[in-house]
Every structure is written in C-alpha cells, then in structure tokens.
Amino acid sequence: MLAGIASLNSGSIAFHQRHGFRECGRFHHICRKKRDILM
C-alpha cells in the first residue's frame, strides 16, 4: 500500500508511521503553491 503526504504534516507522518508505513522516497520540487487558503 502507498500513502502520499502532500506537505510536511507531522501529524499525518506520525499517524502513518504508527500504522507501519515507512518513507521510501520523496519527490522534490514537483509543485509550488503560493498560498494555502480555503474560502
């Protein structure tokens, strides 16, 4: 199974690690956002 985390969300990372997931790769500089705003 594969999990994708879109940002450095420490809560999500900890959740996945507790359930046996481990980091096996990263995509660097694939997308840039100017803002994280929900309206």
C-alpha atoms as a PDB file:
ATOM      1  CA  MET A   1       0.000   0.000   0.000  1.00  0.00           C
ATOM      2  CA  LEU A   2       1.194   3.501  -0.774  1.00  0.00           C
ATOM      3  CA  ALA A   3       0.422   6.698   1.123  1.00  0.00           C
ATOM      4  CA  GLY A   4       1.145  10.166  -0.206  1.00  0.00           C
ATOM      5  CA  ILE A   5       1.552  13.157   2.096  1.00  0.00           C
ATOM      6  CA  ALA A   6       1.499  16.468   0.257  1.00  0.00           C
ATOM      7  CA  SER A   7       3.360  18.568   2.819  1.00  0.00           C
ATOM      8  CA  LEU A   8       5.395  18.276   5.994  1.00  0.00           C
ATOM      9  CA  ASN A   9       2.362  17.462   8.118  1.00  0.00           C
ATOM     10  CA  SER A  10       3.881  15.991  11.287  1.00  0.00           C
ATOM     11  CA  GLY A  11       0.524  14.626  12.496  1.00  0.00           C
ATOM     12  CA  SER A  12      -0.078  12.730   9.265  1.00  0.00           C
ATOM     13  CA  ILE A  13       3.502  11.456   9.152  1.00  0.00           C
ATOM     14  CA  ALA A  14       3.243  10.171  12.757  1.00  0.00           C
ATOM     15  CA  PHE A  15      -0.127   8.521  12.013  1.00  0.00           C
ATOM     16  CA  HIS A  16       1.263   6.614   9.040  1.00  0.00           C
ATOM     17  CA  GLN A  17       4.418   5.582  10.925  1.00  0.00           C
ATOM     18  CA  ARG A  18       2.282   4.204  13.789  1.00  0.00           C
ATOM     19  CA  HIS A  19       0.473   2.037  11.246  1.00  0.00           C
ATOM     20  CA  GLY A  20       3.625   0.532   9.784  1.00  0.00           C
ATOM     21  CA  PHE A  21       4.329   2.864   6.868  1.00  0.00           C
ATOM     22  CA  ARG A  22       7.899   3.935   6.240  1.00  0.00           C
ATOM     23  CA  GLU A  23       9.405   6.527   3.948  1.00  0.00           C
ATOM     24  CA  CYS A  24      10.766   5.009   0.765  1.00  0.00           C
ATOM     25  CA  GLY A  25      11.092   8.053  -1.481  1.00  0.00           C
ATOM     26  CA  ARG A  26      10.419  11.750  -1.986  1.00  0.00           C
ATOM     27  CA  PHE A  27       9.548  13.976  -4.904  1.00  0.00           C
ATOM     28  CA  HIS A  28      11.477  17.229  -4.599  1.00  0.00           C
ATOM     29  CA  HIS A  29      10.354  20.478  -6.232  1.00  0.00           C
ATOM     30  CA  ILE A  30       7.444  18.992  -8.189  1.00  0.00           C
ATOM     31  CA  CYS A  31       4.905  21.667  -7.293  1.00  0.00           C
ATOM     32  CA  ARG A  32       4.898  25.067  -5.675  1.00  0.00           C
ATOM     33  CA  LYS A  33       1.953  26.764  -4.015  1.00  0.00           C
ATOM     34  CA  LYS A  34       1.907  30.435  -3.268  1.00  0.00           C
ATOM     35  CA  ARG A  35      -0.811  30.170  -0.607  1.00  0.00           C
ATOM     36  CA  ASP A  36      -2.781  27.615   1.368  1.00  0.00           C
ATOM     37  CA  ILE A  37      -6.153  29.344   1.768  1.00  0.00           C
ATOM     38  CA  LEU A  38      -9.619  27.809   1.847  1.00  0.00           C
ATOM     39  CA  MET A  39     -12.592  30.099   1.350  1.00  0.00           C
END
